[in-house]
Each structure stands twice: as C-alpha cells, then as structure tokens.
C-alpha cells in the first residue's frame, strides 16, 4: 500500500469508536518506515485531550504499533480510552509490551 493511500482514512478504536482521520504520516528517515499516523481527532476526543483549538484541533501522533488492520478504515489494537491514556503518556508498561509482540 502506498503511504498516500492512508491520507483521509477513518481511524477506529478496537471497540468500534471513531478516533479521527489521518492527516499526515511521520517517517523514520533511516529505514523509510512509517512511525506514526498524524490523526485529526474527532472533536470530543480532541477536547478531552486539550488539543481542541478555536478553529479545528492539533493532530495526535498515533504510533503504528497500535494499528491492527488497514482497509477502507484503519482499525487500532487498542480502545479509545487506552489511546487517550497513551496520548497522555499514561499507557501501562504491560500494555506497551503486549503491543510490541
């Protein structure tokens, strides 16, 4: 899949909740692998995380290790509450190790 095909795709948590849409990608320049998806969060999640601005919101950096599948949408391995915790730097270490496996 071409990286450009990811732009605008809907991102869904593992329990079916809407997370947002892909705005951009972050690459590792050494390996040319995608490291993160920059996601425009749905308004209520952006507000919960303090990323909501007067006009729009700041994108959230979602690690690609959180991605379970890519098709018409991008499905995450983690739920919306777990993503919220991860974006706030509070993801439990045990969960991070499970995601690396």
N, C-alpha and C. Protein backbone atom coordinates (compact mmCIF):
# COMPACT_ATOMS: atom_id res chain seq x y z
N UNK A 1 0.84 -1.18 0.00
CA UNK A 1 0.00 0.00 0.00
C UNK A 1 0.89 1.24 0.00
N UNK A 2 0.54 2.18 -0.81
CA UNK A 2 1.24 3.45 -0.90
C UNK A 2 0.84 4.32 0.29
N UNK A 3 1.81 5.02 0.90
CA UNK A 3 1.54 5.87 2.05
C UNK A 3 0.48 6.91 1.79
N UNK A 4 0.43 7.43 0.56
CA UNK A 4 -0.58 8.44 0.22
C UNK A 4 -2.01 7.91 0.33
N UNK A 5 -2.16 6.59 0.21
CA UNK A 5 -3.49 5.99 0.31
C UNK A 5 -4.05 6.05 1.72
N UNK A 6 -3.20 6.34 2.70
CA UNK A 6 -3.64 6.42 4.10
C UNK A 6 -4.28 7.76 4.43
N UNK A 7 -3.93 8.81 3.67
CA UNK A 7 -4.46 10.14 3.96
C UNK A 7 -5.99 10.14 3.86
N UNK A 8 -6.64 10.69 4.89
CA UNK A 8 -8.08 10.80 4.90
C UNK A 8 -8.82 9.56 5.38
N UNK A 9 -8.08 8.46 5.63
CA UNK A 9 -8.75 7.25 6.11
C UNK A 9 -9.25 7.45 7.53
N UNK A 10 -10.43 6.90 7.81
CA UNK A 10 -11.02 6.93 9.14
C UNK A 10 -10.25 5.99 10.05
N UNK A 11 -9.98 6.42 11.28
CA UNK A 11 -9.30 5.61 12.29
C UNK A 11 -10.34 5.22 13.33
N UNK A 12 -10.41 3.91 13.61
CA UNK A 12 -11.42 3.35 14.52
C UNK A 12 -10.71 2.59 15.64
N UNK A 13 -11.19 2.77 16.88
CA UNK A 13 -10.66 2.01 18.02
C UNK A 13 -11.10 0.56 17.96
N UNK A 14 -10.49 -0.30 18.77
CA UNK A 14 -10.80 -1.73 18.69
C UNK A 14 -12.22 -2.08 19.13
N UNK A 15 -12.91 -1.16 19.77
CA UNK A 15 -14.30 -1.41 20.16
C UNK A 15 -15.29 -0.67 19.26
N UNK A 16 -14.79 -0.19 18.12
CA UNK A 16 -15.66 0.43 17.13
C UNK A 16 -15.87 1.93 17.27
N UNK A 17 -15.21 2.57 18.23
CA UNK A 17 -15.41 4.01 18.41
C UNK A 17 -14.55 4.80 17.42
N UNK A 18 -15.11 5.89 16.93
CA UNK A 18 -14.40 6.76 16.00
C UNK A 18 -13.29 7.51 16.72
N UNK A 19 -12.12 7.54 16.10
CA UNK A 19 -10.96 8.24 16.64
C UNK A 19 -10.70 9.52 15.84
N UNK A 20 -10.71 9.42 14.53
CA UNK A 20 -10.47 10.57 13.67
C UNK A 20 -10.08 10.14 12.27
N UNK A 21 -9.38 11.03 11.56
CA UNK A 21 -8.94 10.76 10.19
C UNK A 21 -7.46 11.09 10.06
N UNK A 22 -6.76 10.31 9.23
CA UNK A 22 -5.33 10.51 9.02
C UNK A 22 -5.09 11.79 8.24
N UNK A 23 -4.26 12.66 8.82
CA UNK A 23 -3.89 13.93 8.17
C UNK A 23 -2.52 13.81 7.51
N UNK A 24 -1.59 13.12 8.18
CA UNK A 24 -0.21 13.06 7.70
C UNK A 24 0.47 11.83 8.29
N UNK A 25 1.70 11.60 7.88
CA UNK A 25 2.49 10.47 8.35
C UNK A 25 3.84 10.97 8.84
N UNK A 26 4.40 10.26 9.82
CA UNK A 26 5.76 10.54 10.29
C UNK A 26 6.61 9.34 9.92
N UNK A 27 7.73 9.60 9.22
CA UNK A 27 8.62 8.54 8.76
C UNK A 27 9.91 8.50 9.56
N UNK A 28 10.50 7.31 9.64
CA UNK A 28 11.87 7.15 10.12
C UNK A 28 12.72 7.31 8.87
N UNK A 29 13.52 8.37 8.81
CA UNK A 29 14.27 8.66 7.59
C UNK A 29 15.35 7.62 7.30
N UNK A 30 15.82 6.91 8.31
CA UNK A 30 16.83 5.88 8.09
C UNK A 30 16.26 4.64 7.41
N UNK A 31 15.09 4.22 7.85
CA UNK A 31 14.50 2.98 7.32
C UNK A 31 13.37 3.23 6.33
N UNK A 32 12.89 4.47 6.24
CA UNK A 32 11.75 4.85 5.41
C UNK A 32 10.48 4.10 5.82
N UNK A 33 10.39 3.75 7.08
CA UNK A 33 9.17 3.12 7.59
C UNK A 33 8.32 4.18 8.27
N UNK A 34 7.02 4.00 8.18
CA UNK A 34 6.09 4.91 8.85
C UNK A 34 6.16 4.64 10.35
N UNK A 35 6.37 5.68 11.15
CA UNK A 35 6.44 5.55 12.61
C UNK A 35 5.12 5.92 13.27
N UNK A 36 4.48 6.97 12.75
CA UNK A 36 3.25 7.46 13.37
C UNK A 36 2.29 7.96 12.31
N UNK A 37 1.01 7.88 12.66
CA UNK A 37 -0.04 8.50 11.86
C UNK A 37 -0.42 9.78 12.58
N UNK A 38 -0.43 10.89 11.87
CA UNK A 38 -0.92 12.13 12.46
C UNK A 38 -2.42 12.17 12.18
N UNK A 39 -3.20 12.12 13.26
CA UNK A 39 -4.64 11.95 13.15
C UNK A 39 -5.37 13.19 13.64
N UNK A 40 -6.28 13.69 12.80
CA UNK A 40 -7.20 14.74 13.23
C UNK A 40 -8.28 14.04 14.04
N UNK A 41 -8.29 14.27 15.34
CA UNK A 41 -9.20 13.58 16.23
C UNK A 41 -10.63 14.10 16.09
N UNK A 42 -11.60 13.23 16.41
CA UNK A 42 -12.98 13.68 16.46
C UNK A 42 -13.06 14.75 17.55
N UNK A 43 -13.96 15.72 17.41
CA UNK A 43 -13.97 16.88 18.32
C UNK A 43 -14.01 16.57 19.81
N UNK A 44 -14.84 15.60 20.23
CA UNK A 44 -14.92 15.35 21.67
C UNK A 44 -13.64 14.74 22.24
N UNK A 45 -12.95 13.89 21.47
CA UNK A 45 -11.68 13.32 21.93
C UNK A 45 -10.59 14.39 21.95
N UNK A 46 -10.57 15.24 20.93
CA UNK A 46 -9.59 16.34 20.89
C UNK A 46 -9.78 17.26 22.09
N UNK A 47 -11.03 17.52 22.44
CA UNK A 47 -11.32 18.38 23.59
C UNK A 47 -10.87 17.72 24.90
N UNK A 48 -11.14 16.41 25.05
CA UNK A 48 -10.72 15.68 26.25
C UNK A 48 -9.21 15.75 26.45
N UNK A 49 -8.46 15.74 25.34
CA UNK A 49 -7.00 15.73 25.41
C UNK A 49 -6.40 17.13 25.42
N UNK A 50 -7.24 18.15 25.36
CA UNK A 50 -6.74 19.51 25.35
C UNK A 50 -6.12 19.93 24.03
N UNK A 51 -6.48 19.23 22.96
CA UNK A 51 -5.93 19.54 21.63
C UNK A 51 -6.89 20.37 20.80
N UNK A 52 -8.07 20.63 21.32
CA UNK A 52 -9.08 21.41 20.59
C UNK A 52 -8.67 22.88 20.60
N UNK A 53 -8.71 23.48 19.44
CA UNK A 53 -8.39 24.90 19.29
C UNK A 53 -9.65 25.63 18.82
N UNK A 54 -9.57 26.93 18.76
CA UNK A 54 -10.71 27.74 18.32
C UNK A 54 -11.22 27.27 16.95
N UNK A 55 -10.30 27.08 16.03
CA UNK A 55 -10.64 26.61 14.68
C UNK A 55 -9.93 25.29 14.44
N UNK A 56 -10.60 24.17 14.70
CA UNK A 56 -10.01 22.87 14.49
C UNK A 56 -9.30 22.36 15.71
N UNK A 57 -8.28 21.51 15.50
CA UNK A 57 -7.52 20.96 16.61
C UNK A 57 -6.13 20.55 16.13
N UNK A 58 -5.26 20.33 17.10
CA UNK A 58 -3.91 19.82 16.81
C UNK A 58 -4.04 18.34 16.46
N UNK A 59 -3.26 17.83 15.51
CA UNK A 59 -3.32 16.39 15.23
C UNK A 59 -2.64 15.62 16.36
N UNK A 60 -3.04 14.38 16.54
CA UNK A 60 -2.44 13.50 17.53
C UNK A 60 -1.54 12.50 16.82
N UNK A 61 -0.38 12.21 17.40
CA UNK A 61 0.56 11.25 16.83
C UNK A 61 0.22 9.86 17.36
N UNK A 62 -0.31 9.01 16.49
CA UNK A 62 -0.70 7.65 16.86
C UNK A 62 0.35 6.68 16.32
N UNK A 63 1.01 5.97 17.22
CA UNK A 63 2.08 5.04 16.82
C UNK A 63 1.52 3.94 15.93
N UNK A 64 2.30 3.53 14.94
CA UNK A 64 1.83 2.47 14.04
C UNK A 64 1.73 1.13 14.75
N UNK A 65 2.43 0.96 15.88
CA UNK A 65 2.29 -0.32 16.61
C UNK A 65 0.87 -0.50 17.13
N UNK A 66 0.08 0.58 17.19
CA UNK A 66 -1.29 0.49 17.66
C UNK A 66 -2.25 0.05 16.55
N UNK A 67 -1.76 -0.07 15.32
CA UNK A 67 -2.62 -0.41 14.18
C UNK A 67 -2.76 -1.93 14.06
N UNK A 68 -4.01 -2.38 14.01
CA UNK A 68 -4.29 -3.81 13.82
C UNK A 68 -4.45 -4.13 12.33
N UNK A 69 -5.21 -3.31 11.62
CA UNK A 69 -5.52 -3.61 10.21
C UNK A 69 -5.78 -2.32 9.45
N UNK A 70 -5.48 -2.38 8.15
CA UNK A 70 -5.74 -1.26 7.25
C UNK A 70 -6.53 -1.79 6.06
N UNK A 71 -7.66 -1.17 5.82
CA UNK A 71 -8.51 -1.49 4.68
C UNK A 71 -9.18 -0.20 4.27
N UNK A 72 -10.51 -0.23 4.20
CA UNK A 72 -11.24 1.01 3.94
C UNK A 72 -11.08 1.97 5.11
N UNK A 73 -10.88 1.40 6.31
CA UNK A 73 -10.59 2.18 7.51
C UNK A 73 -9.34 1.62 8.16
N UNK A 74 -8.83 2.34 9.15
CA UNK A 74 -7.69 1.86 9.92
C UNK A 74 -8.23 1.46 11.29
N UNK A 75 -8.03 0.19 11.64
CA UNK A 75 -8.52 -0.34 12.90
C UNK A 75 -7.35 -0.45 13.87
N UNK A 76 -7.53 0.10 15.07
CA UNK A 76 -6.49 0.04 16.08
C UNK A 76 -6.60 -1.21 16.94
N UNK A 77 -5.49 -1.59 17.59
CA UNK A 77 -5.46 -2.71 18.52
C UNK A 77 -5.96 -2.30 19.90
N UNK A 78 -6.07 -1.02 20.12
CA UNK A 78 -6.43 -0.52 21.43
C UNK A 78 -7.73 0.27 21.36
N UNK A 79 -8.38 0.39 22.50
CA UNK A 79 -9.65 1.10 22.58
C UNK A 79 -9.40 2.61 22.67
N UNK A 80 -10.46 3.35 22.55
CA UNK A 80 -10.38 4.81 22.67
C UNK A 80 -9.84 5.24 24.04
N UNK A 81 -10.32 4.65 25.16
CA UNK A 81 -9.74 5.02 26.46
C UNK A 81 -8.24 4.70 26.57
N UNK A 82 -7.82 3.57 25.99
CA UNK A 82 -6.40 3.23 26.02
C UNK A 82 -5.59 4.20 25.17
N UNK A 83 -6.14 4.59 24.02
CA UNK A 83 -5.46 5.57 23.18
C UNK A 83 -5.36 6.91 23.90
N UNK A 84 -6.44 7.31 24.56
CA UNK A 84 -6.43 8.55 25.32
C UNK A 84 -5.30 8.51 26.36
N UNK A 85 -5.17 7.39 27.07
CA UNK A 85 -4.11 7.24 28.07
C UNK A 85 -2.73 7.28 27.41
N UNK A 86 -2.60 6.62 26.27
CA UNK A 86 -1.31 6.60 25.57
C UNK A 86 -0.91 7.99 25.10
N UNK A 87 -1.87 8.74 24.58
CA UNK A 87 -1.57 10.08 24.10
C UNK A 87 -1.26 11.03 25.26
N UNK A 88 -1.71 10.68 26.44
CA UNK A 88 -1.40 11.48 27.62
C UNK A 88 -0.17 10.94 28.33
N UNK A 89 0.47 9.91 27.75
CA UNK A 89 1.68 9.34 28.32
C UNK A 89 1.44 8.44 29.51
N UNK A 90 0.24 7.86 29.60
CA UNK A 90 -0.11 7.04 30.75
C UNK A 90 -0.40 5.59 30.40
N UNK A 91 0.03 5.13 29.23
CA UNK A 91 -0.25 3.76 28.85
C UNK A 91 0.56 2.82 29.75
N UNK A 92 -0.08 1.86 30.41
CA UNK A 92 0.66 0.94 31.28
C UNK A 92 1.74 0.20 30.52
N UNK A 93 2.87 -0.01 31.16
CA UNK A 93 4.02 -0.66 30.53
C UNK A 93 3.65 -2.04 30.02
N UNK A 94 2.86 -2.80 30.78
CA UNK A 94 2.47 -4.14 30.36
C UNK A 94 1.76 -4.09 29.01
N UNK A 95 0.90 -3.11 28.81
CA UNK A 95 0.15 -3.00 27.56
C UNK A 95 1.09 -2.65 26.43
N UNK A 96 2.05 -1.76 26.66
CA UNK A 96 3.00 -1.41 25.61
C UNK A 96 3.79 -2.64 25.18
N UNK A 97 4.24 -3.47 26.15
CA UNK A 97 5.00 -4.68 25.80
C UNK A 97 4.13 -5.63 25.00
N UNK A 98 2.85 -5.73 25.35
CA UNK A 98 1.94 -6.61 24.61
C UNK A 98 1.78 -6.12 23.18
N UNK A 99 1.78 -4.80 22.99
CA UNK A 99 1.63 -4.24 21.64
C UNK A 99 2.87 -4.48 20.80
N UNK A 100 4.05 -4.56 21.44
CA UNK A 100 5.29 -4.77 20.69
C UNK A 100 5.39 -6.19 20.17
N UNK A 101 4.71 -7.12 20.80
CA UNK A 101 4.78 -8.54 20.41
C UNK A 101 4.10 -8.81 19.09
